Amino acid sequence: MTPSDVPLWLILGWLFIFGTVIGSFLNVCIYRIPQHEHLWAQLSGLSNPPSSCPFCKKRILTRDNIPILGWLMLWGRCRFCRHSIPPRYALIEFFNGLLWVVLYIAIVPAGMTAKISDSCLWSQLSPLAANTDPMQFSFMLHAQYFYFLILAEALLVATFIDFDLQLIPDGSTVPAMILGVLGAVVIGNLQPWPLWFQSTSMLNEFAPLWSPAWQRQYPRLHSLAASLAGLVVGGGIIWILRVVGHWIWKREVMGFGDVILLAMIGSFLGWQATIMIFFLAPCCGLAGAFLSLIINRRLSLEIPYGPYLSLAAMLVLLFWRPFFSQFERVFALGPVLVAMAVPTMLLMAAFLKLTRMIKIALGFSDEDNYYDEEWRSSDQMAFYANKDYESGKADLKPPEWPGRAAGQGRQFVDQWRNGGR
């Protein structure tokens, strides 16, 4: 429902340009946030020091910072030291500009005859369905666009950091989570589904448990409740999986960063969408592992899970209507759905136990390689190969981010093995 006097191609063109500019800033976030351990240091480090070449340390000129074009004009090399600049920076800028355009086309219907029902987020249960004011429709659709754009940008940053380091710092998720809750309060009714709904038969039987009148009377309160419920359910699911997985596998199966990531997703999309994302993410992970097996001809036993949670969240967001048609009857079960949660968790625990038994039966090691203390001949060779003869010391591995152990859930185990240090 774009303004009739502004051509769609012009709107999309400017959105692409703005998206590439923000994509340049996202590159800074991806590079700098993991350099610090604490949240405030991660955020304050985004503006200081100014951008410079990581090799020759010289300031990057303003004209070289133009998204995409700056990289192309330099032929992918630093202006001063001529060291190569990875094309990933330009690709992230381009992809982010494309993301701004695709998300706008999906959420905001265009043209004189466009209806709000053409939006990818539309459903009969949408909190906007009872509104008949066209101007209100246009405002809410654009509000939803910018609201979920914040989510998409945070997912992009968390994805690339997790791919690089297999951790998700708080700086990539916590600020967006706060904006997700605040946006729900300030604007109201941004989530595609209401906080709670039931089928007619369930509504008649459990009428005292649900009254939709307060949703229309207090839209901001309803949106806040939906956002907080999504936050709690999203973080709670991964937390339970983390605890159960540690109990069965005797090691960390999920990083704490994934807990915060799904909680952030839930603060934007609500608890129903969060549950769908939780079950869709493993399918995305299996597809990614299969693709990696084809390309690299080997299968990694440990993969970052955050990118697949992010991918599942974007699929649910962009293809909300087909997902809605498949899951509407499930979430319409009302209180019965809550009762189904316990056996579902028990089945999940049984599945994890079964996979561990299969792993042992196939001859795979059941030990955690993080805490292998045996000193082998290969370790001795690596020690001398990396030894600094001036200092007499050796650096067996590159410096790592100080929060890496906490992000991988091994901080306290490392401290215990080192006598509390």
Protein backbone atom coordinates (compact mmCIF):
# COMPACT_ATOMS: atom_id res chain seq x y z
CA MET A 1 0.00 0.00 0.00
CA THR A 2 2.57 2.48 -1.16
CA PRO A 3 1.69 6.15 -1.79
CA SER A 4 0.07 6.40 -5.22
CA ASP A 5 2.20 9.40 -6.31
CA VAL A 6 5.53 7.62 -5.67
CA PRO A 7 6.56 4.93 -8.19
CA LEU A 8 7.38 1.59 -6.64
CA TRP A 9 10.70 1.34 -8.48
CA LEU A 10 11.81 4.61 -6.89
CA ILE A 11 10.91 3.40 -3.40
CA LEU A 12 12.71 0.10 -3.93
CA GLY A 13 15.75 1.86 -5.40
CA TRP A 14 16.16 4.09 -2.36
CA LEU A 15 15.56 1.17 -0.03
CA PHE A 16 18.36 -0.75 -1.76
CA ILE A 17 20.74 2.21 -1.38
CA PHE A 18 19.89 2.67 2.30
CA GLY A 19 20.21 -1.09 2.80
CA THR A 20 23.75 -1.11 1.38
CA VAL A 21 24.72 1.80 3.64
CA ILE A 22 23.40 -0.03 6.70
CA GLY A 23 25.11 -3.16 5.38
CA SER A 24 28.42 -1.31 5.60
CA PHE A 25 27.69 -0.63 9.27
CA LEU A 26 26.75 -4.29 9.78
CA ASN A 27 30.21 -5.23 8.52
CA VAL A 28 31.63 -3.11 11.34
CA CYS A 29 29.33 -4.87 13.83
CA ILE A 30 30.37 -8.32 12.61
CA TYR A 31 34.06 -7.45 12.90
CA ARG A 32 34.11 -5.42 16.13
CA ILE A 33 31.45 -6.86 18.44
CA PRO A 34 33.31 -10.15 19.08
CA GLN A 35 36.47 -8.22 20.03
CA HIS A 36 35.01 -7.39 23.45
CA GLU A 37 33.54 -9.54 26.19
CA HIS A 38 30.97 -7.30 27.87
CA LEU A 39 27.86 -5.83 26.26
CA TRP A 40 28.65 -2.16 26.81
CA ALA A 41 32.20 -2.55 25.50
CA GLN A 42 30.84 -4.33 22.42
CA LEU A 43 28.46 -1.45 21.67
CA SER A 44 30.82 1.41 22.47
CA GLY A 45 33.52 -0.19 20.32
CA LEU A 46 31.39 0.25 17.20
CA SER A 47 32.15 3.98 16.91
CA ASN A 48 35.72 4.14 18.15
CA PRO A 49 38.32 3.90 16.73
CA PRO A 50 37.48 5.02 13.17
CA SER A 51 37.62 2.44 10.38
CA SER A 52 41.16 1.55 9.34
CA CYS A 53 42.97 -1.14 7.39
CA PRO A 54 43.66 -4.10 9.74
CA PHE A 55 47.06 -4.63 8.05
CA CYS A 56 48.69 -1.21 7.58
CA LYS A 57 46.49 0.50 10.25
CA LYS A 58 45.87 3.57 8.05
CA ARG A 59 42.49 5.33 8.13
CA ILE A 60 40.10 4.33 5.36
CA LEU A 61 39.18 7.34 3.22
CA THR A 62 35.54 8.42 3.05
CA ARG A 63 35.30 7.76 -0.69
CA ASP A 64 36.62 4.23 -0.14
CA ASN A 65 33.81 3.57 2.35
CA ILE A 66 31.07 3.92 -0.28
CA PRO A 67 29.12 0.63 -0.13
CA ILE A 68 29.95 -1.84 -2.91
CA LEU A 69 31.40 0.87 -5.20
CA GLY A 70 34.30 1.56 -2.82
CA TRP A 71 35.40 -2.08 -2.99
CA LEU A 72 34.98 -2.18 -6.77
CA MET A 73 36.93 1.06 -7.35
CA LEU A 74 39.82 -0.28 -5.27
CA TRP A 75 39.72 -3.61 -7.09
CA GLY A 76 39.38 -5.31 -3.72
CA ARG A 77 42.68 -3.98 -2.32
CA CYS A 78 43.73 -1.45 0.32
CA ARG A 79 44.60 1.94 -1.19
CA PHE A 80 47.82 2.16 0.83
CA CYS A 81 49.29 -1.30 1.43
CA ARG A 82 47.51 -3.02 -1.49
CA HIS A 83 46.56 -5.93 0.74
CA SER A 84 43.52 -7.79 -0.54
CA ILE A 85 40.11 -6.93 0.97
CA PRO A 86 37.79 -9.97 1.18
CA PRO A 87 34.80 -9.67 -1.19
CA ARG A 88 32.54 -10.68 1.69
CA TYR A 89 32.28 -7.06 2.79
CA ALA A 90 30.81 -5.96 -0.54
CA LEU A 91 28.62 -9.06 -0.74
CA ILE A 92 27.12 -8.37 2.71
CA GLU A 93 26.35 -4.78 1.64
CA PHE A 94 24.69 -6.02 -1.55
CA PHE A 95 22.78 -8.76 0.24
CA ASN A 96 21.53 -6.35 2.88
CA GLY A 97 20.27 -3.92 0.22
CA LEU A 98 18.47 -6.84 -1.42
CA LEU A 99 17.05 -7.83 1.97
CA TRP A 100 15.52 -4.37 2.44
CA VAL A 101 13.83 -4.64 -0.97
CA VAL A 102 12.54 -8.20 -0.56
CA LEU A 103 11.15 -7.55 2.89
CA TYR A 104 9.32 -4.44 1.68
CA ILE A 105 7.76 -6.26 -1.28
CA ALA A 106 6.63 -9.09 1.01
CA ILE A 107 5.13 -6.99 3.81
CA VAL A 108 3.83 -3.83 2.09
CA PRO A 109 1.41 -4.45 -0.82
CA ALA A 110 1.97 -2.01 -3.70
CA GLY A 111 -0.43 -0.37 -6.16
CA MET A 112 -3.74 1.45 -6.16
CA THR A 113 -5.73 -1.75 -5.78
CA ALA A 114 -3.51 -3.24 -3.07
CA LYS A 115 -5.21 -4.63 0.01
CA ILE A 116 -3.81 -5.35 3.42
CA SER A 117 -4.68 -9.00 2.87
CA ASP A 118 -1.92 -9.10 0.20
CA SER A 119 0.75 -8.75 2.88
CA CYS A 120 2.77 -11.86 3.70
CA LEU A 121 1.86 -11.33 7.37
CA TRP A 122 -1.88 -11.21 6.85
CA SER A 123 -4.29 -13.68 8.45
CA GLN A 124 -7.85 -13.56 9.69
CA LEU A 125 -6.49 -13.76 13.21
CA SER A 126 -4.15 -10.80 12.69
CA PRO A 127 -4.70 -8.03 15.26
CA LEU A 128 -5.07 -5.66 12.27
CA ALA A 129 -7.98 -7.62 10.79
CA ALA A 130 -10.61 -5.67 12.73
CA ASN A 131 -9.35 -2.31 11.44
CA THR A 132 -11.00 -0.82 8.34
CA ASP A 133 -9.18 2.54 8.07
CA PRO A 134 -6.94 2.55 4.91
CA MET A 135 -4.57 5.14 6.37
CA GLN A 136 -4.19 3.05 9.50
CA PHE A 137 -3.48 0.02 7.30
CA SER A 138 -0.70 1.87 5.47
CA PHE A 139 0.88 3.10 8.69
CA MET A 140 0.77 -0.32 10.38
CA LEU A 141 2.19 -2.14 7.36
CA HIS A 142 5.13 0.25 7.16
CA ALA A 143 5.54 0.01 10.93
CA GLN A 144 5.67 -3.78 10.62
CA TYR A 145 8.23 -3.44 7.84
CA PHE A 146 10.68 -1.39 9.89
CA TYR A 147 9.97 -3.45 13.00
CA PHE A 148 10.85 -6.75 11.36
CA LEU A 149 13.71 -5.10 9.48
CA ILE A 150 15.40 -4.62 12.85
CA LEU A 151 15.01 -8.34 13.46
CA ALA A 152 16.44 -9.21 10.04
CA GLU A 153 19.50 -7.00 10.56
CA ALA A 154 20.21 -8.51 13.99
CA LEU A 155 19.88 -12.02 12.53
CA LEU A 156 22.36 -11.18 9.78
CA VAL A 157 24.97 -9.94 12.26
CA ALA A 158 24.51 -12.91 14.60
CA THR A 159 24.69 -15.34 11.67
CA PHE A 160 28.06 -14.19 10.34
CA ILE A 161 29.62 -13.94 13.80
CA ASP A 162 28.44 -17.46 14.59
CA PHE A 163 29.81 -18.76 11.29
CA ASP A 164 33.18 -17.13 12.00
CA LEU A 165 33.64 -17.89 15.70
CA GLN A 166 30.83 -20.30 16.69
CA LEU A 167 29.52 -17.88 19.30
CA ILE A 168 26.82 -15.22 19.48
CA PRO A 169 27.82 -12.18 21.57
CA ASP A 170 25.15 -10.27 23.47
CA GLY A 171 25.90 -7.15 21.42
CA SER A 172 24.34 -8.78 18.36
CA THR A 173 21.09 -9.81 20.08
CA VAL A 174 20.29 -7.97 23.31
CA PRO A 175 19.83 -4.45 21.80
CA ALA A 176 17.47 -5.84 19.15
CA MET A 177 15.55 -7.78 21.81
CA ILE A 178 15.01 -4.55 23.76
CA LEU A 179 13.80 -2.82 20.58
CA GLY A 180 11.45 -5.73 19.92
CA VAL A 181 9.75 -5.26 23.29
CA LEU A 182 9.76 -1.44 23.09
CA GLY A 183 8.33 -1.45 19.56
CA ALA A 184 5.50 -3.69 20.72
CA VAL A 185 4.67 -1.23 23.52
CA VAL A 186 4.99 2.01 21.53
CA ILE A 187 3.06 0.95 18.39
CA GLY A 188 1.08 -2.14 19.40
CA ASN A 189 -0.33 -5.07 17.42
CA LEU A 190 2.82 -5.68 15.39
CA GLN A 191 2.90 -9.47 15.78
CA PRO A 192 1.11 -11.45 13.04
CA TRP A 193 -0.82 -13.60 15.53
CA PRO A 194 -2.65 -12.70 18.73
CA LEU A 195 -1.26 -13.77 22.07
CA TRP A 196 -3.87 -16.52 22.40
CA PHE A 197 -6.67 -18.01 20.33
CA GLN A 198 -8.77 -21.18 20.36
CA SER A 199 -11.07 -23.07 18.04
CA THR A 200 -14.81 -22.64 18.50
CA SER A 201 -15.22 -25.90 20.41
CA MET A 202 -12.30 -25.06 22.70
CA LEU A 203 -13.56 -21.54 23.20
CA ASN A 204 -16.96 -22.80 24.32
CA GLU A 205 -15.40 -25.25 26.75
CA PHE A 206 -12.72 -22.94 28.16
CA ALA A 207 -14.44 -19.58 27.72
CA PRO A 208 -13.31 -18.18 31.10
CA LEU A 209 -9.66 -18.62 30.05
CA TRP A 210 -9.82 -16.32 27.05
CA SER A 211 -11.57 -13.14 26.08
CA PRO A 212 -10.40 -11.36 22.90
CA ALA A 213 -12.05 -8.08 23.88
CA TRP A 214 -9.00 -6.80 25.78
CA GLN A 215 -6.87 -7.31 22.67
CA ARG A 216 -8.92 -4.68 20.80
CA GLN A 217 -9.32 -2.43 23.82
CA TYR A 218 -5.65 -2.45 24.90
CA PRO A 219 -3.58 -3.08 21.74
CA ARG A 220 -0.27 -1.99 23.27
CA LEU A 221 -0.76 -4.12 26.35
CA HIS A 222 -1.67 -7.07 24.15
CA SER A 223 1.38 -6.56 21.94
CA LEU A 224 3.64 -6.27 24.99
CA ALA A 225 2.26 -9.51 26.41
CA ALA A 226 2.77 -11.27 23.05
CA SER A 227 6.35 -9.98 22.82
CA LEU A 228 7.26 -11.03 26.35
CA ALA A 229 5.61 -14.44 25.88
CA GLY A 230 7.67 -14.99 22.73
CA LEU A 231 10.83 -13.94 24.55
CA VAL A 232 10.22 -16.33 27.46
CA VAL A 233 9.13 -19.27 25.29
CA GLY A 234 11.99 -18.79 22.81
CA GLY A 235 14.67 -18.59 25.47
CA GLY A 236 13.01 -21.29 27.57
CA ILE A 237 12.90 -23.89 24.80
CA ILE A 238 16.61 -23.63 24.03
CA TRP A 239 17.45 -23.47 27.73
CA ILE A 240 15.56 -26.71 28.39
CA LEU A 241 17.25 -28.33 25.38
CA ARG A 242 20.60 -27.13 26.72
CA VAL A 243 19.97 -28.63 30.19
CA VAL A 244 18.52 -31.92 28.90
CA GLY A 245 21.27 -32.26 26.30
CA HIS A 246 23.98 -31.76 28.91
CA TRP A 247 22.35 -34.35 31.16
CA ILE A 248 22.17 -36.97 28.39
CA TRP A 249 25.29 -36.23 26.33
CA LYS A 250 27.45 -35.18 29.31
CA ARG A 251 28.58 -32.10 27.40
CA GLU A 252 27.22 -28.79 26.14
CA VAL A 253 24.99 -29.31 23.09
CA MET A 254 23.81 -25.71 22.75
CA GLY A 255 25.57 -22.43 23.46
CA PHE A 256 23.99 -19.79 25.67
CA GLY A 257 24.10 -17.40 22.73
CA ASP A 258 21.47 -19.55 21.01
CA VAL A 259 19.23 -19.10 24.06
CA ILE A 260 19.38 -15.31 23.73
CA LEU A 261 19.04 -15.49 19.94
CA LEU A 262 15.74 -17.40 19.98
CA ALA A 263 14.51 -15.20 22.84
CA MET A 264 15.21 -12.18 20.63
CA ILE A 265 13.33 -13.77 17.73
CA GLY A 266 10.39 -14.49 20.03
CA SER A 267 10.24 -10.86 21.19
CA PHE A 268 9.44 -9.89 17.59
CA LEU A 269 7.35 -12.78 16.27
CA GLY A 270 5.53 -14.10 19.35
CA TRP A 271 5.57 -17.51 20.96
CA GLN A 272 3.68 -19.44 18.27
CA ALA A 273 6.10 -18.47 15.51
CA THR A 274 9.01 -19.19 17.86
CA ILE A 275 7.86 -22.79 18.30
CA MET A 276 7.60 -23.19 14.52
CA ILE A 277 11.12 -21.80 14.14
CA PHE A 278 12.43 -24.19 16.78
CA PHE A 279 11.20 -27.21 14.83
CA LEU A 280 12.13 -25.80 11.41
CA ALA A 281 15.73 -24.88 12.33
CA PRO A 282 16.98 -28.52 12.54
CA CYS A 283 15.67 -29.10 9.01
CA CYS A 284 17.63 -26.06 7.85
CA GLY A 285 20.67 -27.39 9.74
CA LEU A 286 20.43 -30.79 8.06
CA ALA A 287 20.17 -29.12 4.64
CA GLY A 288 23.20 -26.97 5.46
CA ALA A 289 25.21 -29.97 6.66
CA PHE A 290 24.31 -31.91 3.50
CA LEU A 291 25.35 -28.96 1.33
CA SER A 292 28.63 -28.67 3.25
CA LEU A 293 29.23 -32.40 2.74
CA ILE A 294 28.80 -31.99 -1.02
CA ILE A 295 31.05 -28.92 -1.26
CA ASN A 296 33.78 -29.82 1.25
CA ARG A 297 33.47 -33.62 0.97
CA ARG A 298 33.53 -33.92 4.73
CA LEU A 299 30.99 -33.56 7.51
CA SER A 300 31.75 -31.45 10.54
CA LEU A 301 30.61 -32.99 13.82
CA GLU A 302 29.94 -29.54 15.30
CA ILE A 303 28.14 -26.80 13.40
CA PRO A 304 26.98 -23.35 14.52
CA TYR A 305 23.24 -23.49 15.19
CA GLY A 306 22.55 -19.75 15.22
CA PRO A 307 22.59 -19.33 11.41
CA TYR A 308 19.92 -22.00 11.02
CA LEU A 309 17.72 -20.45 13.70
CA SER A 310 18.09 -17.19 11.78
CA LEU A 311 17.27 -18.83 8.46
CA ALA A 312 14.21 -20.52 9.93
CA ALA A 313 13.05 -17.19 11.39
CA MET A 314 13.31 -15.46 7.99
CA LEU A 315 11.47 -18.31 6.25
CA VAL A 316 8.63 -18.13 8.76
CA LEU A 317 8.50 -14.34 8.40
CA LEU A 318 8.48 -14.26 4.60
CA PHE A 319 6.21 -17.30 4.14
CA TRP A 320 3.91 -16.65 7.06
CA ARG A 321 0.67 -17.37 5.20
CA PRO A 322 1.49 -20.97 4.16
CA PHE A 323 2.92 -21.65 7.62
CA PHE A 324 -0.22 -20.19 9.16
CA SER A 325 -2.48 -22.45 7.12
CA GLN A 326 -0.54 -25.52 8.30
CA PHE A 327 -0.25 -24.65 12.00
CA GLU A 328 -3.47 -22.74 12.71
CA ARG A 329 -5.34 -25.84 13.88
CA VAL A 330 -2.44 -26.87 16.12
CA PHE A 331 -2.29 -23.56 17.99
CA ALA A 332 -6.10 -23.36 18.09
CA LEU A 333 -6.09 -26.29 20.56
CA GLY A 334 -5.79 -23.79 23.40
CA PRO A 335 -5.10 -25.38 26.81
CA VAL A 336 -4.64 -28.79 25.17
CA LEU A 337 -1.52 -27.41 23.47
CA VAL A 338 -0.03 -26.56 26.86
CA ALA A 339 -0.70 -30.11 28.08
CA MET A 340 1.10 -31.47 25.01
CA ALA A 341 4.32 -29.64 25.92
CA VAL A 342 5.36 -32.13 28.63
CA PRO A 343 5.22 -35.32 26.50
CA THR A 344 6.92 -33.41 23.68
CA MET A 345 9.86 -32.62 25.95
CA LEU A 346 10.02 -36.24 27.09
CA LEU A 347 10.09 -37.40 23.47
CA MET A 348 12.88 -34.93 22.75
CA ALA A 349 14.90 -36.32 25.67
CA ALA A 350 14.32 -39.86 24.44
CA PHE A 351 15.45 -38.88 20.95
CA LEU A 352 18.69 -37.36 22.29
CA LYS A 353 19.34 -40.49 24.32
CA LEU A 354 18.73 -42.66 21.25
CA THR A 355 21.10 -40.61 19.10
CA ARG A 356 23.83 -40.95 21.73
CA MET A 357 23.33 -44.73 21.83
CA ILE A 358 23.53 -44.90 18.02
CA LYS A 359 26.69 -42.79 18.06
CA ILE A 360 28.37 -45.15 20.55
CA ALA A 361 27.19 -48.22 18.63
CA LEU A 362 28.75 -46.85 15.42
CA GLY A 363 32.08 -46.47 17.17
CA PHE A 364 32.26 -42.69 17.49
CA SER A 365 34.09 -41.29 20.51
CA ASP A 366 31.81 -40.27 23.35
CA GLU A 367 34.37 -37.98 24.97
CA ASP A 368 34.47 -34.20 24.86
CA ASN A 369 37.54 -33.09 22.94
CA TYR A 370 37.60 -29.74 24.73
CA TYR A 371 39.12 -31.35 27.80
CA ASP A 372 41.56 -33.81 26.27
CA GLU A 373 44.64 -33.41 28.47
CA GLU A 374 46.87 -36.03 26.86
CA TRP A 375 50.06 -34.55 25.37
CA ARG A 376 50.77 -36.32 22.05
CA SER A 377 53.77 -36.20 19.76
CA SER A 378 51.84 -33.97 17.37
CA ASP A 379 51.36 -31.51 20.21
CA GLN A 380 55.10 -31.51 20.87
CA MET A 381 55.82 -30.81 17.19
CA ALA A 382 53.28 -28.00 17.18
CA PHE A 383 54.93 -26.56 20.29
CA TYR A 384 58.34 -26.27 18.62
CA ALA A 385 56.88 -25.11 15.30
CA ASN A 386 55.21 -22.16 17.03
CA LYS A 387 57.91 -21.39 19.58
CA ASP A 388 59.26 -17.87 19.91
CA TYR A 389 62.97 -18.42 20.56
CA GLU A 390 63.51 -14.88 21.86
CA SER A 391 61.00 -15.25 24.66
CA GLY A 392 61.23 -18.98 25.09
CA LYS A 393 57.45 -19.24 24.97
CA ALA A 394 55.13 -20.82 22.44
CA ASP A 395 51.79 -19.78 21.03
CA LEU A 396 49.96 -22.99 20.10
CA LYS A 397 46.80 -21.25 18.97
CA PRO A 398 45.79 -17.72 17.92
CA PRO A 399 44.38 -15.39 20.59
CA GLU A 400 40.69 -15.93 21.08
CA TRP A 401 37.90 -13.67 22.21
CA PRO A 402 37.83 -13.69 26.06
CA GLY A 403 34.15 -14.60 26.08
CA ARG A 404 34.56 -17.62 23.82
CA ALA A 405 34.61 -20.12 26.69
CA ALA A 406 31.40 -18.69 28.12
CA GLY A 407 29.75 -18.65 24.70
CA GLN A 408 30.56 -22.34 24.26
CA GLY A 409 29.41 -23.23 27.77
CA ARG A 410 32.83 -24.36 29.03
CA GLN A 411 33.99 -21.41 31.14
CA PHE A 412 33.42 -22.93 34.57
CA VAL A 413 34.69 -26.36 33.52
CA ASP A 414 37.95 -24.72 32.37
CA GLN A 415 38.21 -22.84 35.66
CA TRP A 416 37.62 -26.04 37.64
CA ARG A 417 40.33 -27.88 35.73
CA ASN A 418 42.75 -24.99 36.31
CA GLY A 419 42.14 -24.94 40.05
CA GLY A 420 39.61 -22.08 40.07
CA ARG A 421 41.76 -19.64 38.07
